[in-house]
Structure formats: C-alpha cells, structure tokens
Protein backbone atom coordinates (compact mmCIF):
# COMPACT_ATOMS: atom_id res chain seq x y z
CA MET A 1 -51.31 191.28 84.97
CA GLN A 2 -53.72 193.69 86.72
CA ASN A 3 -56.69 192.08 84.91
CA GLU A 4 -55.54 188.60 85.98
CA LYS A 5 -55.55 189.65 89.66
CA PHE A 6 -58.97 191.29 89.24
CA ASP A 7 -60.31 188.16 87.53
CA LYS A 8 -58.87 185.93 90.27
CA ASP A 9 -60.30 188.15 93.04
CA THR A 10 -63.66 188.28 91.29
CA GLN A 11 -63.72 184.50 90.89
CA SER A 12 -62.78 184.06 94.57
CA LEU A 13 -65.70 186.28 95.57
CA VAL A 14 -68.07 184.38 93.27
CA ASP A 15 -66.88 181.12 94.84
CA VAL A 16 -67.52 182.45 98.36
CA VAL A 17 -70.98 183.73 97.43
CA THR A 18 -71.76 180.36 95.86
CA ASP A 19 -70.54 178.48 98.95
CA TYR A 20 -72.71 180.67 101.20
CA ALA A 21 -75.70 181.02 98.86
CA PHE A 22 -78.16 179.52 101.36
CA ALA A 23 -77.09 181.91 104.13
CA LEU A 24 -77.16 184.94 101.85
CA ASP A 25 -80.53 183.96 100.37
CA THR A 26 -81.94 183.47 103.88
CA LEU A 27 -80.72 186.94 104.89
CA ASP A 28 -82.26 188.41 101.74
CA ASP A 29 -85.56 186.65 102.47
CA TYR A 30 -85.44 187.96 106.05
CA ASP A 31 -84.76 191.53 104.87
CA HIS A 32 -87.67 191.38 102.45
CA GLN A 33 -90.03 189.57 104.87
CA ARG A 34 -90.20 186.53 102.56
CA LEU A 35 -89.19 183.78 104.97
CA THR A 36 -91.70 180.96 104.77
CA LEU A 37 -92.47 177.82 106.71
CA ARG A 38 -92.10 174.95 104.32
CA LYS A 39 -94.23 171.85 104.60
CA SER A 40 -92.40 169.16 106.53
CA ALA A 41 -92.22 165.55 105.47
CA VAL A 42 -91.18 164.50 108.99
CA ALA A 43 -93.79 162.65 111.01
CA GLU A 44 -93.88 163.47 114.69
CA LYS A 45 -92.56 160.49 116.67
CA PHE A 46 -92.32 162.11 120.08
CA HIS A 47 -94.69 164.19 122.17
CA ALA A 48 -93.12 166.48 124.75
CA THR A 49 -94.94 166.72 128.05
CA TYR A 50 -94.29 168.77 131.13
CA GLU A 51 -93.22 165.61 132.96
CA ASN A 52 -90.73 164.30 130.38
CA ALA A 53 -89.32 167.80 129.81
CA MET A 54 -88.78 168.26 133.56
CA ALA A 55 -87.05 164.86 133.66
CA ALA A 56 -84.73 166.04 130.88
CA ILE A 57 -84.01 169.25 132.79
CA GLN A 58 -83.27 167.24 135.91
CA GLY A 59 -80.60 165.40 133.90
CA LEU A 60 -79.02 168.75 133.01
CA LYS A 61 -78.45 169.62 136.64
CA ASP A 62 -75.47 167.27 136.76
CA LYS A 63 -73.77 169.22 133.96
CA PHE A 64 -74.89 172.78 134.69
CA GLY A 65 -76.28 172.57 138.20
CA GLY A 66 -73.63 174.57 140.01
CA SER A 67 -76.42 176.78 141.26
CA ALA A 68 -79.26 175.55 143.44
CA LEU A 69 -81.44 177.82 141.31
CA PHE A 70 -80.62 176.06 138.03
CA GLY A 71 -83.83 174.64 136.57
CA HIS A 72 -85.89 175.90 139.52
CA GLU A 73 -89.29 176.99 138.18
CA LYS A 74 -90.35 180.51 139.08
CA ASP A 75 -93.97 180.08 138.02
CA GLU A 76 -96.27 178.00 135.79
CA SER A 77 -94.98 179.48 132.52
CA PHE A 78 -92.86 176.44 131.62
CA LYS A 79 -95.88 174.15 131.76
CA SER A 80 -97.68 176.63 129.53
CA SER A 81 -94.75 176.72 127.07
CA ILE A 82 -94.84 172.95 126.63
CA GLY A 83 -98.59 172.98 126.08
CA GLN A 84 -98.46 175.90 123.67
CA ILE A 85 -96.40 174.04 121.05
CA TYR A 86 -99.40 171.71 120.62
CA GLN A 87 -101.99 174.49 120.54
CA THR A 88 -104.85 174.18 118.05
CA PHE A 89 -107.43 176.55 116.65
CA ASP A 90 -110.67 175.15 115.29
CA GLY A 91 -109.12 171.67 115.35
CA VAL A 92 -106.02 172.69 113.36
CA GLU A 93 -102.55 172.71 114.93
CA LEU A 94 -101.00 176.17 114.99
CA TYR A 95 -97.53 174.60 114.73
CA PRO A 96 -98.10 171.56 112.54
CA SER A 97 -94.51 170.50 111.82
CA VAL A 98 -91.88 169.03 114.11
CA GLU A 99 -89.58 171.89 113.09
CA GLN A 100 -92.16 174.54 114.02
CA LYS A 101 -92.84 172.89 117.38
CA ALA A 102 -89.10 172.73 118.08
CA ALA A 103 -88.63 176.38 117.09
CA MET A 104 -91.56 177.42 119.28
CA LEU A 105 -90.17 175.40 122.18
CA LEU A 106 -86.82 177.19 121.83
CA TYR A 107 -88.58 180.55 121.56
CA LEU A 108 -91.02 180.11 124.44
CA VAL A 109 -88.59 178.61 126.95
CA THR A 110 -86.04 181.32 126.12
CA LYS A 111 -88.50 184.23 126.25
CA ASN A 112 -90.74 183.16 129.13
CA HIS A 113 -87.79 183.00 131.50
CA SER A 114 -89.54 180.31 133.52
CA PHE A 115 -86.52 179.33 135.60
CA SER A 116 -84.46 181.15 138.21
CA ASP A 117 -81.23 180.15 136.41
CA GLY A 118 -80.30 178.42 133.17
CA ASN A 119 -83.11 179.56 130.87
CA LYS A 120 -81.07 179.77 127.64
CA ARG A 121 -79.20 176.52 128.32
CA ILE A 122 -82.44 174.76 129.18
CA ALA A 123 -84.19 176.17 126.09
CA ALA A 124 -81.36 175.14 123.77
CA THR A 125 -81.12 171.68 125.33
CA LEU A 126 -84.87 171.06 125.13
CA PHE A 127 -84.81 172.20 121.48
CA LEU A 128 -82.10 169.59 120.75
CA TRP A 129 -83.88 166.97 122.89
CA PHE A 130 -87.12 167.50 120.96
CA LEU A 131 -85.34 167.22 117.59
CA LEU A 132 -83.42 164.13 118.75
CA ASN A 133 -86.54 162.35 119.97
CA ASN A 134 -88.26 163.15 116.68
CA GLY A 135 -85.34 161.74 114.71
CA ILE A 136 -84.19 164.93 112.99
CA LEU A 137 -81.34 166.27 115.12
CA TYR A 138 -78.81 164.64 112.80
CA LYS A 139 -78.70 164.47 109.03
CA ASP A 140 -78.77 161.14 107.19
CA ASP A 141 -74.95 161.12 107.08
CA GLY A 142 -74.79 161.49 110.89
CA SER A 143 -73.64 165.12 110.88
CA LYS A 144 -75.26 167.77 113.05
CA ARG A 145 -78.28 169.44 111.47
CA ILE A 146 -77.52 172.57 113.50
CA ALA A 147 -73.95 173.68 114.18
CA ASP A 148 -73.01 174.67 117.73
CA ALA A 149 -72.48 178.32 116.72
CA THR A 150 -75.88 178.37 115.00
CA LEU A 151 -77.59 177.08 118.16
CA VAL A 152 -75.89 179.75 120.27
CA THR A 153 -76.76 182.46 117.76
CA MET A 154 -80.41 181.40 117.45
CA THR A 155 -80.85 181.26 121.21
CA LEU A 156 -79.25 184.66 121.81
CA MET A 157 -81.16 186.17 118.86
CA ILE A 158 -84.42 185.00 120.43
CA ALA A 159 -83.41 186.22 123.90
CA GLU A 160 -82.70 189.70 122.53
CA SER A 161 -85.70 189.88 120.18
CA ARG A 162 -88.87 191.85 120.73
CA SER A 163 -91.99 189.84 121.55
CA GLU A 164 -93.74 191.17 118.44
CA ASP A 165 -91.02 189.48 116.34
CA MET A 166 -91.96 185.98 117.52
CA GLU A 167 -93.31 184.79 114.16
CA MET A 168 -90.20 185.97 112.31
CA MET A 169 -87.88 184.40 114.91
CA VAL A 170 -89.67 181.06 114.50
CA LYS A 171 -89.36 181.32 110.72
CA VAL A 172 -85.62 182.05 111.00
CA VAL A 173 -85.09 179.02 113.26
CA VAL A 174 -87.12 176.72 111.00
CA ASN A 175 -85.24 177.91 107.92
CA LEU A 176 -81.89 177.32 109.64
CA MET A 177 -82.85 173.68 110.26
CA ARG A 178 -82.65 172.82 106.54
C-alpha cells in the first residue's frame, strides 16, 4: 500500500516534469548560460519606424491615457530604440530575426524609459504590435504565442534587470516565443 502511494506520487511528478519540460529545460539552459538564438524561418513582413510606432502609441492613449503624460516623450531615446533594432555592423544585421528585433524592441523601450508615463505598457504593446504585423503573434491554430502572464513576466524581468544582462534577457524572450 505504501509502495503504491509512492509509485503514484512519483508518476505524478514525472507527468508534471514532462508537461513542463520546455520551461524546466529553458531554466536549466539559463542557469548554465546555454540559451541560444535559433535561426528563424520567419521572413520580416513589417518594418517598424518611429512614425508608425508613434501612431500605434497614440492609439493606446484611448485605453491607458488617463494621464496627460502617458506616451509623452522625454527625449530622443525612443527614436533611437526603433532604429537600433535594425542596426548593422559591416553590412550584417545585429538582430537578424523578427524574434530578435521584437525582443530588442521590448528590451529597449522598457529600459530606456523614453516616456514620462506608460513605459512598460508601451513596450509590451509595441512588442505585440511588431509580432502581429510580422505575422507571428499567433500560432497556426490561432492561439496566443505568448501568454498574458508570460508577457507581464518578461516585461518586469527586463525592467528589473541590469544593463549588462541585455544579451541574456533578449535570449530569454526569444526562447519564450517558441
């Protein structure tokens, strides 16, 4: 009887570990600095610009614009953030995949704190907007590629991270988009 309960508990744990294998493997890869940026098969369909990003932010004001400061730029850092996701070195894109560009957009808009109010909401929305316009926000079956709780967690993780952890934060975000 005692062995049956142990066997059942053990099997339940094995089932849970199996169900969450991706999450546990990702945490293990993070702990051992093995997170990688896989090659993407997604072709970029959409190019974010300062102008179209600001238009998207303007649309957010209806939902989140309780404050006159929401979406109000403090400096030129937002324009720089948009440009940086398309940065090249020696003719080679530093962020070649749609997923990397989206992750960098989330990171830069969150960390640069370009707006007087709404930075995290704006960053998360622009991340989703970029993925949507590139056709990868939703999976083939129509389900969300990124759960609401995952988006909140990624955004807060970035906000609280150290600047020297940028590369790892981008890798985490890209890996969570699988």
